[in-house]
Protein backbone atom coordinates (compact mmCIF):
# COMPACT_ATOMS: atom_id res chain seq x y z
CA MET A 1 83.73 35.66 129.02
CA ASN A 2 84.65 37.73 131.97
CA LEU A 3 85.28 40.31 129.38
CA TYR A 4 81.80 40.79 128.24
CA VAL A 5 80.20 40.78 131.85
CA PRO A 6 80.33 44.79 132.18
CA ILE A 7 78.76 45.06 128.62
CA LEU A 8 76.02 42.64 129.79
CA VAL A 9 75.38 44.48 133.06
CA LEU A 10 75.17 47.60 131.08
CA ALA A 11 72.75 46.12 128.46
CA VAL A 12 70.47 44.58 131.29
CA LEU A 13 70.56 48.04 133.20
CA ALA A 14 69.48 49.84 129.92
CA ALA A 15 66.90 47.53 129.17
CA GLY A 16 65.71 47.73 132.97
CA PHE A 17 65.49 51.69 132.80
CA ALA A 18 63.72 51.59 129.66
CA VAL A 19 61.02 49.13 130.55
CA PHE A 20 60.78 51.00 133.77
CA SER A 21 60.06 54.32 132.23
CA VAL A 22 57.55 53.12 129.93
CA ALA A 23 56.03 51.33 132.59
CA ILE A 24 55.66 54.26 135.15
CA ALA A 25 55.14 57.05 132.29
CA PRO A 26 51.06 56.82 132.69
CA PHE A 27 51.21 56.69 136.46
CA THR A 28 53.24 60.02 136.80
CA GLY A 29 52.88 63.44 135.88
CA PRO A 30 50.05 66.02 135.42
CA LYS A 31 46.59 64.66 133.50
CA ARG A 32 45.30 68.24 132.70
CA TRP A 33 44.63 67.96 129.08
CA ASN A 34 43.70 71.00 127.10
CA ARG A 35 43.64 72.19 123.55
CA ALA A 36 47.08 74.10 123.68
CA LYS A 37 48.68 70.77 124.98
CA LEU A 38 47.21 68.61 122.36
CA ASP A 39 48.19 70.74 119.24
CA ALA A 40 51.36 69.93 117.67
CA TYR A 41 54.44 71.88 118.56
CA GLU A 42 56.47 73.39 115.79
CA CYS A 43 59.60 74.94 117.60
CA GLY A 44 57.31 78.13 118.97
CA VAL A 45 55.57 78.66 115.52
CA GLU A 46 51.94 78.70 115.13
CA PRO A 47 50.97 74.74 113.65
CA THR A 48 50.18 75.14 110.16
CA PRO A 49 46.70 73.29 109.11
CA GLN A 50 47.42 69.79 108.24
CA PRO A 51 45.26 68.16 105.29
CA PRO A 52 43.18 64.98 106.80
CA GLY A 53 45.51 62.11 107.11
CA GLY A 54 48.38 64.20 107.59
CA GLY A 55 50.66 66.07 105.35
CA ARG A 56 53.59 65.32 103.33
CA PHE A 57 57.04 66.15 104.68
CA PRO A 58 59.27 67.94 102.25
CA LEU A 59 62.21 65.10 101.28
CA LYS A 60 64.84 67.72 102.55
CA TYR A 61 64.06 66.42 106.32
CA MET A 62 64.54 62.60 104.99
CA ILE A 63 67.97 63.47 103.31
CA THR A 64 69.34 65.36 106.18
CA ALA A 65 68.34 62.48 108.49
CA MET A 66 70.21 60.08 105.92
CA LEU A 67 73.20 62.45 105.95
CA PHE A 68 73.46 62.47 109.67
CA ILE A 69 73.30 58.76 109.90
CA VAL A 70 75.89 58.22 107.24
CA PHE A 71 78.29 61.04 108.84
CA ASP A 72 77.39 59.37 112.27
CA ILE A 73 78.39 55.97 111.00
CA GLU A 74 81.73 57.08 110.08
CA ILE A 75 82.20 58.33 113.54
CA ILE A 76 81.36 54.91 114.91
CA PHE A 77 83.93 53.25 112.59
CA LEU A 78 86.77 55.42 113.63
CA TYR A 79 86.47 54.79 117.39
CA PRO A 80 87.57 50.78 117.28
CA TRP A 81 90.23 51.81 114.64
CA ALA A 82 91.83 54.57 117.10
CA VAL A 83 91.67 52.06 120.00
CA ALA A 84 93.51 49.51 117.79
CA PHE A 85 95.68 51.77 115.90
CA ASP A 86 99.31 50.55 117.16
CA ALA A 87 97.93 46.93 116.42
CA LEU A 88 96.89 47.47 112.75
CA GLY A 89 100.15 49.10 111.59
CA VAL A 90 100.52 51.00 108.25
CA PHE A 91 97.61 48.74 106.69
CA GLY A 92 95.16 50.12 109.19
CA LEU A 93 96.24 53.35 108.43
CA VAL A 94 96.07 53.08 104.71
CA GLU A 95 92.47 51.56 104.87
CA MET A 96 91.31 54.29 107.25
CA VAL A 97 92.63 56.98 104.72
CA LEU A 98 90.83 55.41 101.83
CA PHE A 99 87.53 54.92 104.16
CA ILE A 100 87.64 58.79 105.07
CA VAL A 101 88.43 59.81 101.57
CA THR A 102 85.38 57.90 100.18
CA VAL A 103 83.49 59.63 102.78
CA LEU A 104 85.05 62.75 102.05
CA VAL A 105 84.15 62.23 98.21
CA ALA A 106 80.46 61.51 99.33
CA TYR A 107 80.40 64.97 101.41
CA ALA A 108 81.80 66.80 98.74
CA TYR A 109 79.09 65.51 96.17
CA VAL A 110 76.29 66.43 98.73
CA TRP A 111 77.88 69.59 99.16
CA ARG A 112 78.22 70.28 95.50
CA ARG A 113 74.44 68.99 94.93
CA ARG A 114 73.46 71.73 97.76
CA GLY A 115 72.21 68.73 99.75
CA LEU A 116 73.11 70.80 103.07
CA ASP A 117 71.29 73.86 102.24
CA TRP A 118 68.22 74.21 104.23
CA ASP A 119 66.67 76.72 101.56
């Protein structure tokens, strides 16, 4: 149980910081609203008009987000493998090679289908 105490302390600190940040936000900061601050911000470009009820986002945004999540999860699986590499031996190496090959096949598929092109 002593091994989990630092993780629990970190989780309590993170939750406390999150609750504190959300609770204190309405009471801090300037409250001078104007039209420019209430407009949507689009990376310095003048916002485009939206139809009533909001507009539709291009599917490219969602595909890019899903690809980011897939490759981010791959990295998450690589860290514990790297820590336990000596204990896993050849079996762990073969399993990780198969995992990386599977992800690279998915990457090649997305690249071939032009899923990484922003145009």
